[in-house]
C-alpha atoms as a PDB file:
ATOM      1  CA  MET A   1       6.031  11.910  -7.057  1.00  0.00           C
ATOM      2  CA  ALA A   2       6.520   8.423  -5.612  1.00  0.00           C
ATOM      3  CA  ALA A   3       8.303   9.581  -2.461  1.00  0.00           C
ATOM      4  CA  ARG A   4       7.591  12.840  -0.640  1.00  0.00           C
ATOM      5  CA  LYS A   5       9.621  14.746   1.887  1.00  0.00           C
ATOM      6  CA  LEU A   6       7.507  16.735   4.345  1.00  0.00           C
ATOM      7  CA  THR A   7       9.230  19.466   6.335  1.00  0.00           C
ATOM      8  CA  ILE A   8       7.769  21.420   9.243  1.00  0.00           C
ATOM      9  CA  ARG A   9       9.598  23.726  11.631  1.00  0.00           C
ATOM     10  CA  ARG A  10       9.039  24.129  15.359  1.00  0.00           C
ATOM     11  CA  GLY A  11       6.105  26.394  16.145  1.00  0.00           C
ATOM     12  CA  LYS A  12       4.540  25.951  12.697  1.00  0.00           C
ATOM     13  CA  ARG A  13       1.223  24.351  11.756  1.00  0.00           C
ATOM     14  CA  SER A  14       0.050  21.847   9.146  1.00  0.00           C
ATOM     15  CA  LYS A  15      -0.568  24.698   6.682  1.00  0.00           C
ATOM     16  CA  ASP A  16       3.159  25.516   6.876  1.00  0.00           C
ATOM     17  CA  VAL A  17       4.372  22.044   5.816  1.00  0.00           C
ATOM     18  CA  THR A  18       6.614  22.166   2.747  1.00  0.00           C
ATOM     19  CA  VAL A  19       6.643  19.254   0.324  1.00  0.00           C
ATOM     20  CA  ALA A  20       9.540  18.198  -1.884  1.00  0.00           C
ATOM     21  CA  ALA A  21      10.599  15.107  -3.758  1.00  0.00           C
ATOM     22  CA  GLY A  22      11.699  12.424  -1.332  1.00  0.00           C
ATOM     23  CA  THR A  23      14.255   9.685  -1.759  1.00  0.00           C
ATOM     24  CA  ALA A  24      13.244   6.069  -2.147  1.00  0.00           C
ATOM     25  CA  ILE A  25      13.489   3.934   0.980  1.00  0.00           C
ATOM     26  CA  ILE A  26      14.919   0.459   0.506  1.00  0.00           C
ATOM     27  CA  GLY A  27      12.213  -2.145   0.945  1.00  0.00           C
ATOM     28  CA  SER A  28       9.438   0.412   0.335  1.00  0.00           C
ATOM     29  CA  ASP A  29       6.313   0.379   2.523  1.00  0.00           C
ATOM     30  CA  ALA A  30       8.165   2.570   5.010  1.00  0.00           C
ATOM     31  CA  ILE A  31       8.260   6.040   6.479  1.00  0.00           C
ATOM     32  CA  GLU A  32      11.458   7.723   7.615  1.00  0.00           C
ATOM     33  CA  ILE A  33      11.445  10.478  10.249  1.00  0.00           C
ATOM     34  CA  ASN A  34      14.409  12.744  10.969  1.00  0.00           C
ATOM     35  CA  ILE A  35      14.323  14.807  14.161  1.00  0.00           C
ATOM     36  CA  ASP A  36      17.038  17.250  15.186  1.00  0.00           C
ATOM     37  CA  GLN A  37      17.199  16.607  18.941  1.00  0.00           C
ATOM     38  CA  THR A  38      20.018  19.065  19.626  1.00  0.00           C
ATOM     39  CA  THR A  39      17.633  21.892  20.583  1.00  0.00           C
ATOM     40  CA  MET A  40      14.174  20.300  20.450  1.00  0.00           C
ATOM     41  CA  ALA A  41      12.239  18.986  23.430  1.00  0.00           C
ATOM     42  CA  LYS A  42      10.246  15.757  23.135  1.00  0.00           C
ATOM     43  CA  LYS A  43       6.971  17.706  23.386  1.00  0.00           C
ATOM     44  CA  ASP A  44       8.028  19.893  20.433  1.00  0.00           C
ATOM     45  CA  ALA A  45       8.765  16.781  18.355  1.00  0.00           C
ATOM     46  CA  ILE A  46       5.390  15.229  19.213  1.00  0.00           C
ATOM     47  CA  ASP A  47       3.601  18.493  18.364  1.00  0.00           C
ATOM     48  CA  LEU A  48       5.328  18.600  14.969  1.00  0.00           C
ATOM     49  CA  LEU A  49       4.458  14.962  14.277  1.00  0.00           C
ATOM     50  CA  ASP A  50       0.823  15.790  15.067  1.00  0.00           C
ATOM     51  CA  GLU A  51       0.923  18.683  12.593  1.00  0.00           C
ATOM     52  CA  ALA A  52       2.509  16.462   9.917  1.00  0.00           C
ATOM     53  CA  ARG A  53      -0.253  13.907  10.539  1.00  0.00           C
ATOM     54  CA  ARG A  54      -2.863  16.644  10.176  1.00  0.00           C
ATOM     55  CA  TYR A  55      -1.251  17.707   6.879  1.00  0.00           C
ATOM     56  CA  ILE A  56      -1.409  14.142   5.526  1.00  0.00           C
ATOM     57  CA  LEU A  57      -5.072  13.833   6.522  1.00  0.00           C
ATOM     58  CA  GLU A  58      -6.008  17.180   4.946  1.00  0.00           C
ATOM     59  CA  HIS A  59      -4.306  16.708   1.571  1.00  0.00           C
ATOM     60  CA  ALA A  60      -4.839  14.417  -1.408  1.00  0.00           C
ATOM     61  CA  TRP A  61      -3.113  11.050  -1.481  1.00  0.00           C
ATOM     62  CA  PRO A  62      -2.001   9.503  -4.785  1.00  0.00           C
ATOM     63  CA  THR A  63      -3.870   6.468  -6.059  1.00  0.00           C
ATOM     64  CA  LEU A  64      -1.943   3.276  -5.352  1.00  0.00           C
ATOM     65  CA  THR A  65      -0.786   1.282  -8.340  1.00  0.00           C
ATOM     66  CA  THR A  66       0.325  -2.278  -7.794  1.00  0.00           C
END
């Protein structure tokens, strides 16, 4: 899977992250973050980003091929 989509909901932890196939980002070497700000406080968003970071650190990363 060349691109991954990580999803985590408010109040959840890194163990609750779901992974699906992502869509390619033009120009590559990028990360795209979508945050629904309609009902989420800034602190909630930061907490979720921290959990996503923890997930990335705890799980295997594919070997780069160039």
